[in-house]
């Protein structure tokens, strides 16, 4: 299952869901669904979110239960 820290990282930048959505070309509803884990973003959208939040992709999204190397 794909997990994420979008809500936490978004709050660090004081972005609303709408603010982040505008930065990455998504709707507020899409950002909300990603935060709740109800929607897995495309690779392109995930990369855009990480860039907007100024972190590496792996700091935002990870697969639960995947062994760390």
Protein backbone atom coordinates (compact mmCIF):
# COMPACT_ATOMS: atom_id res chain seq x y z
CA UNK A 1 0.00 0.00 0.00
CA UNK A 2 1.29 3.44 -0.92
CA UNK A 3 1.73 5.75 2.07
CA UNK A 4 2.55 9.46 2.11
CA UNK A 5 3.43 12.49 4.19
CA UNK A 6 1.81 15.06 1.90
CA UNK A 7 -0.37 16.62 4.61
CA UNK A 8 2.51 16.97 7.07
CA UNK A 9 4.92 18.41 4.50
CA UNK A 10 2.25 20.68 3.04
CA UNK A 11 1.62 22.13 6.51
CA UNK A 12 5.35 22.92 6.90
CA UNK A 13 5.04 25.27 3.93
CA UNK A 14 1.68 26.65 5.10
CA UNK A 15 0.07 25.50 1.84
CA UNK A 16 -3.62 24.75 1.67
CA UNK A 17 -4.72 21.79 -0.41
CA UNK A 18 -5.74 24.30 -3.09
CA UNK A 19 -2.33 26.01 -2.97
CA UNK A 20 -0.49 22.73 -3.49
CA UNK A 21 -2.94 21.69 -6.17
CA UNK A 22 -2.28 24.88 -8.12
CA UNK A 23 1.48 24.36 -7.85
CA UNK A 24 1.28 20.83 -9.26
CA UNK A 25 -1.66 21.13 -11.65
CA UNK A 26 -4.16 19.13 -9.60
CA UNK A 27 -7.43 19.91 -7.86
CA UNK A 28 -7.92 20.41 -4.14
CA UNK A 29 -10.00 17.24 -4.16
CA UNK A 30 -7.15 15.22 -5.71
CA UNK A 31 -4.68 16.46 -3.08
CA UNK A 32 -7.18 15.56 -0.34
CA UNK A 33 -7.66 12.06 -1.75
CA UNK A 34 -3.89 11.55 -1.97
CA UNK A 35 -3.47 12.66 1.65
CA UNK A 36 -6.13 10.19 2.81
CA UNK A 37 -4.58 7.38 0.80
CA UNK A 38 -7.69 7.04 -1.38
CA UNK A 39 -5.79 7.88 -4.57
CA UNK A 40 -2.33 6.89 -5.78
CA UNK A 41 -0.89 9.70 -7.90
CA UNK A 42 0.82 9.13 -11.23
CA UNK A 43 4.61 9.15 -11.20
CA UNK A 44 4.56 12.58 -12.81
CA UNK A 45 2.19 14.03 -10.19
CA UNK A 46 4.17 12.43 -7.34
CA UNK A 47 7.38 14.00 -8.68
CA UNK A 48 5.67 17.39 -8.99
CA UNK A 49 4.39 17.15 -5.41
CA UNK A 50 7.85 16.29 -4.07
CA UNK A 51 9.39 19.18 -6.00
CA UNK A 52 6.75 21.63 -4.75
CA UNK A 53 7.38 20.45 -1.18
CA UNK A 54 11.17 20.72 -1.72
CA UNK A 55 11.97 17.15 -0.70
CA UNK A 56 13.02 13.92 -2.39
CA UNK A 57 10.25 11.68 -3.67
CA UNK A 58 11.07 9.01 -1.08
CA UNK A 59 10.45 11.51 1.72
CA UNK A 60 6.87 11.98 0.53
CA UNK A 61 5.79 8.57 -0.78
CA UNK A 62 6.72 5.01 0.16
CA UNK A 63 5.29 1.52 -0.06
CA UNK A 64 4.21 0.24 3.35
CA UNK A 65 5.92 -2.96 4.38
CA UNK A 66 8.73 -2.58 1.86
CA UNK A 67 12.04 -3.59 3.38
CA UNK A 68 14.55 -0.78 3.73
CA UNK A 69 17.97 -1.46 2.31
